[in-house]
């Protein structure tokens, strides 16, 4: 059983490395890792990743030892990769897009203008629906050269070998940012729970006082009902 579990985890690691790490949830799972683990244990089909498209399906089929399938239509279509852009003049600073971004690729604060870190945006589109003023649009992803001048755009045809490397690097970065965000949110939840625990510890008599007051009220109500019943009889 332990060996089988270790094999499944190892296979999940290999599968996860093939996924584009958009964390878009179109596959029906909350993260690329969850989808990878389901694939490793044969719980789901390999054709549910629109961002990865046919290339990812073929790679998954080779790794899992099964035949490739056409992309599942209910998961969406394979499309060119995009990034989100915020119309900063229309942004009201509600932070809903920041909360929705799975890789912390949106900067801003409550009441302040937000902006997208395009080099880190995965194009998951999860920020679109929460925006109450529809100030987020999708734009084609600009492919940047891996040079010190990170703003240099490749205008010529990009070699497939470089494109493959670039997408793997981008996926790896997205995975790291997603995991870092998950850890940050976990720490926030723990901190809130600890503050709540400390408040309870600092005021141990509060619950007892509340219970006592409720008991007094119930007793008064019971006495009033008793007197009313005696008067009616």
Protein backbone atom coordinates (compact mmCIF):
# COMPACT_ATOMS: atom_id res chain seq x y z
CA UNK A 1 0.00 0.00 0.00
CA UNK A 2 2.84 2.39 0.89
CA UNK A 3 4.67 1.53 -2.34
CA UNK A 4 1.50 2.12 -4.35
CA UNK A 5 1.01 5.49 -2.67
CA UNK A 6 4.60 6.50 -3.35
CA UNK A 7 4.24 5.49 -7.00
CA UNK A 8 1.05 7.54 -7.33
CA UNK A 9 2.76 10.59 -5.83
CA UNK A 10 5.76 10.16 -8.13
CA UNK A 11 3.47 9.87 -11.13
CA UNK A 12 1.49 12.90 -9.95
CA UNK A 13 4.74 14.88 -9.84
CA UNK A 14 5.51 13.93 -13.43
CA UNK A 15 1.99 14.76 -14.57
CA UNK A 16 2.00 18.07 -12.70
CA UNK A 17 5.22 19.01 -14.48
CA UNK A 18 3.40 18.67 -17.81
CA UNK A 19 0.49 20.94 -16.92
CA UNK A 20 0.65 24.68 -17.77
CA UNK A 21 -0.03 25.74 -14.15
CA UNK A 22 -2.62 28.35 -15.07
CA UNK A 23 -4.68 27.23 -12.03
CA UNK A 24 -7.75 28.12 -14.10
CA UNK A 25 -9.98 25.33 -12.62
CA UNK A 26 -11.50 24.59 -16.06
CA UNK A 27 -10.59 20.93 -15.59
CA UNK A 28 -13.03 20.82 -12.68
CA UNK A 29 -10.35 20.71 -9.99
CA UNK A 30 -9.26 23.59 -7.72
CA UNK A 31 -5.64 23.46 -8.88
CA UNK A 32 -3.35 21.89 -11.46
CA UNK A 33 -1.87 19.71 -8.71
CA UNK A 34 -5.29 18.34 -7.78
CA UNK A 35 -5.92 17.47 -11.42
CA UNK A 36 -2.49 15.83 -11.63
CA UNK A 37 -3.20 13.65 -8.60
CA UNK A 38 -6.57 12.63 -10.02
CA UNK A 39 -4.89 11.72 -13.31
CA UNK A 40 -2.20 9.72 -11.53
CA UNK A 41 -4.85 7.61 -9.82
CA UNK A 42 -6.94 7.25 -12.99
CA UNK A 43 -9.91 9.14 -11.56
CA UNK A 44 -10.36 11.49 -14.50
CA UNK A 45 -9.69 11.79 -18.23
CA UNK A 46 -6.55 13.47 -19.56
CA UNK A 47 -8.40 15.77 -21.95
CA UNK A 48 -9.64 18.42 -19.54
CA UNK A 49 -6.92 21.10 -19.81
CA UNK A 50 -7.80 23.73 -22.45
CA UNK A 51 -4.74 25.94 -21.75
CA UNK A 52 -2.45 22.97 -22.38
CA UNK A 53 -4.43 21.88 -25.41
CA UNK A 54 -3.47 19.04 -27.73
CA UNK A 55 0.24 19.25 -26.90
CA UNK A 56 -0.39 18.68 -23.20
CA UNK A 57 -2.88 15.92 -23.90
CA UNK A 58 -0.28 14.13 -26.03
CA UNK A 59 2.37 14.50 -23.32
CA UNK A 60 -0.02 13.24 -20.65
CA UNK A 61 -0.97 10.25 -22.80
CA UNK A 62 2.69 9.31 -23.23
CA UNK A 63 3.37 9.63 -19.50
CA UNK A 64 0.24 7.77 -18.42
CA UNK A 65 0.55 5.08 -21.06
CA UNK A 66 -2.81 5.62 -22.69
CA UNK A 67 -4.24 6.97 -25.92
CA UNK A 68 -4.74 10.72 -26.38
CA UNK A 69 -8.26 12.09 -26.67
CA UNK A 70 -9.84 15.18 -28.15
CA UNK A 71 -10.22 18.07 -25.74
CA UNK A 72 -13.38 17.81 -23.64
CA UNK A 73 -15.71 20.52 -25.02
CA UNK A 74 -17.32 21.22 -21.65
CA UNK A 75 -13.96 22.41 -20.31
CA UNK A 76 -13.58 25.10 -22.96
CA UNK A 77 -11.69 25.61 -26.19
CA UNK A 78 -7.96 25.69 -26.80
CA UNK A 79 -7.05 29.32 -27.42
CA UNK A 80 -3.94 31.47 -27.70
CA UNK A 81 -2.54 32.34 -24.30
CA UNK A 82 -3.62 35.68 -22.88
CA UNK A 83 -2.90 37.94 -19.93
CA UNK A 84 -5.26 40.16 -17.97
CA UNK A 85 -5.03 43.93 -18.17
CA UNK A 86 -6.83 46.39 -15.92
CA UNK A 87 -8.29 49.65 -17.19
CA UNK A 88 -6.70 51.62 -14.38
CA UNK A 89 -8.89 54.66 -14.98
CA UNK A 90 -12.03 52.58 -14.38
CA UNK A 91 -10.66 50.52 -11.46
CA UNK A 92 -12.41 51.31 -8.15
CA UNK A 93 -9.90 49.47 -5.95
CA UNK A 94 -12.31 46.84 -4.63
CA UNK A 95 -9.53 44.16 -4.33
CA UNK A 96 -11.86 41.39 -5.57
CA UNK A 97 -9.54 40.59 -8.47
CA UNK A 98 -6.58 40.43 -6.08
CA UNK A 99 -8.44 37.90 -3.96
CA UNK A 100 -9.32 35.84 -7.04
CA UNK A 101 -5.85 35.69 -8.60
CA UNK A 102 -4.34 32.25 -7.85
CA UNK A 103 -0.75 33.40 -8.36
CA UNK A 104 -0.76 36.84 -6.72
CA UNK A 105 -0.14 38.55 -10.05
CA UNK A 106 -2.26 41.63 -9.26
CA UNK A 107 -0.95 44.51 -7.18
CA UNK A 108 -3.07 47.06 -5.35
CA UNK A 109 -4.86 47.90 -2.13
CA UNK A 110 -8.38 48.78 -1.04
CA UNK A 111 -9.43 52.05 -2.60
CA UNK A 112 -6.29 52.16 -4.73
CA UNK A 113 -5.72 51.47 -8.39
CA UNK A 114 -4.80 47.87 -9.23
CA UNK A 115 -2.41 46.64 -11.90
CA UNK A 116 -1.48 43.24 -13.32
CA UNK A 117 2.07 41.88 -13.29
CA UNK A 118 1.83 40.65 -16.86
CA UNK A 119 4.99 38.56 -16.68
CA UNK A 120 3.37 36.51 -13.90
CA UNK A 121 -0.24 36.43 -15.11
CA UNK A 122 -1.31 32.94 -16.24
CA UNK A 123 -4.37 34.07 -18.16
CA UNK A 124 -6.64 31.98 -15.94
CA UNK A 125 -9.48 34.55 -16.31
CA UNK A 126 -10.57 34.03 -12.69
CA UNK A 127 -10.35 37.77 -12.07
CA UNK A 128 -12.94 38.66 -14.73
CA UNK A 129 -16.22 37.64 -13.08
CA UNK A 130 -15.56 39.17 -9.63
CA UNK A 131 -14.84 42.62 -11.09
CA UNK A 132 -17.96 44.74 -10.45
CA UNK A 133 -17.11 47.37 -13.06
CA UNK A 134 -15.82 45.11 -15.86
CA UNK A 135 -12.52 46.97 -16.08
CA UNK A 136 -10.42 43.86 -16.81
CA UNK A 137 -9.75 42.73 -20.37
CA UNK A 138 -7.69 39.94 -21.90
CA UNK A 139 -4.80 40.66 -24.23
CA UNK A 140 -2.48 38.36 -26.21
CA UNK A 141 0.52 37.25 -24.19
CA UNK A 142 3.72 38.93 -25.33
CA UNK A 143 6.57 36.44 -25.58
CA UNK A 144 9.68 37.92 -24.00
CA UNK A 145 13.25 36.89 -24.68
CA UNK A 146 15.17 35.27 -21.85
CA UNK A 147 17.75 38.06 -21.69
CA UNK A 148 18.73 40.71 -19.19
CA UNK A 149 16.53 43.06 -21.15
CA UNK A 150 13.28 41.45 -20.09
CA UNK A 151 11.33 43.89 -22.21
CA UNK A 152 12.74 42.67 -25.51
CA UNK A 153 9.92 41.16 -27.56
CA UNK A 154 10.55 38.43 -30.08
CA UNK A 155 9.11 39.62 -33.36
CA UNK A 156 10.52 36.83 -35.51
CA UNK A 157 9.13 33.31 -35.53
CA UNK A 158 9.97 31.68 -32.22
CA UNK A 159 11.73 28.29 -32.47
CA UNK A 160 9.66 25.45 -31.04
CA UNK A 161 12.53 24.46 -28.77
CA UNK A 162 12.66 27.92 -27.21
CA UNK A 163 8.88 28.13 -26.94
CA UNK A 164 8.81 24.79 -25.13
CA UNK A 165 11.51 25.94 -22.72
CA UNK A 166 9.82 29.30 -22.20
CA UNK A 167 6.47 27.71 -21.37
CA UNK A 168 8.08 25.27 -18.93
CA UNK A 169 9.83 28.14 -17.18
CA UNK A 170 6.62 30.14 -17.04
CA UNK A 171 4.72 27.14 -15.65
CA UNK A 172 7.39 26.57 -13.01
CA UNK A 173 7.16 30.21 -11.94
CA UNK A 174 3.36 30.02 -11.78
CA UNK A 175 3.57 26.87 -9.65
CA UNK A 176 5.93 28.56 -7.20
CA UNK A 177 3.72 31.62 -6.92
CA UNK A 178 0.60 29.49 -6.46
CA UNK A 179 2.21 27.45 -3.68
CA UNK A 180 3.53 30.62 -2.02
CA UNK A 181 0.04 32.11 -2.08
CA UNK A 182 -1.45 28.95 -0.59
CA UNK A 183 1.11 29.09 2.22
CA UNK A 184 0.43 32.79 2.80
CA UNK A 185 -3.32 32.19 3.04
CA UNK A 186 -2.74 29.27 5.40
CA UNK A 187 -0.63 31.46 7.67
CA UNK A 188 -3.33 34.14 7.64
CA UNK A 189 -5.98 31.60 8.64
CA UNK A 190 -3.78 30.31 11.43
CA UNK A 191 -3.11 33.85 12.65
CA UNK A 192 -6.82 34.66 12.72
CA UNK A 193 -7.56 31.44 14.61
CA UNK A 194 -4.81 32.26 17.12
CA UNK A 195 -6.15 35.78 17.68
CA UNK A 196 -9.62 34.35 18.23
CA UNK A 197 -8.24 31.81 20.70
CA UNK A 198 -6.37 34.51 22.60
CA UNK A 199 -9.48 36.67 22.88
CA UNK A 200 -11.36 33.75 24.35
CA UNK A 201 -8.52 33.03 26.77
CA UNK A 202 -8.28 36.67 27.83
CA UNK A 203 -11.99 36.79 28.70
CA UNK A 204 -12.80 33.36 30.14
CA UNK A 205 -15.89 34.64 31.95
CA UNK A 206 -17.63 35.97 28.85
CA UNK A 207 -19.25 32.67 27.84
CA UNK A 208 -20.16 31.95 31.46
CA UNK A 209 -21.71 35.40 31.84
CA UNK A 210 -23.69 34.92 28.64
CA UNK A 211 -24.95 31.55 29.84
CA UNK A 212 -25.89 33.03 33.23
CA UNK A 213 -27.82 35.88 31.61
CA UNK A 214 -29.64 33.46 29.34
CA UNK A 215 -30.52 31.29 32.33
CA UNK A 216 -31.87 34.31 34.24
CA UNK A 217 -33.98 35.33 31.23
CA UNK A 218 -35.35 31.81 30.83
CA UNK A 219 -36.20 31.67 34.54
CA UNK A 220 -38.01 35.02 34.34
CA UNK A 221 -39.97 33.87 31.30
CA UNK A 222 -40.90 30.63 33.06
CA UNK A 223 -42.11 32.56 36.13
CA UNK A 224 -44.19 34.87 33.96
CA UNK A 225 -45.76 31.92 32.18
CA UNK A 226 -46.46 30.25 35.51
CA UNK A 227 -48.18 33.37 36.89
CA UNK A 228 -50.18 33.76 33.69
CA UNK A 229 -51.28 30.15 33.89
CA UNK A 230 -52.27 30.50 37.54
CA UNK A 231 -54.24 33.68 36.78
CA UNK A 232 -56.09 32.06 33.87
CA UNK A 233 -57.08 29.09 35.98
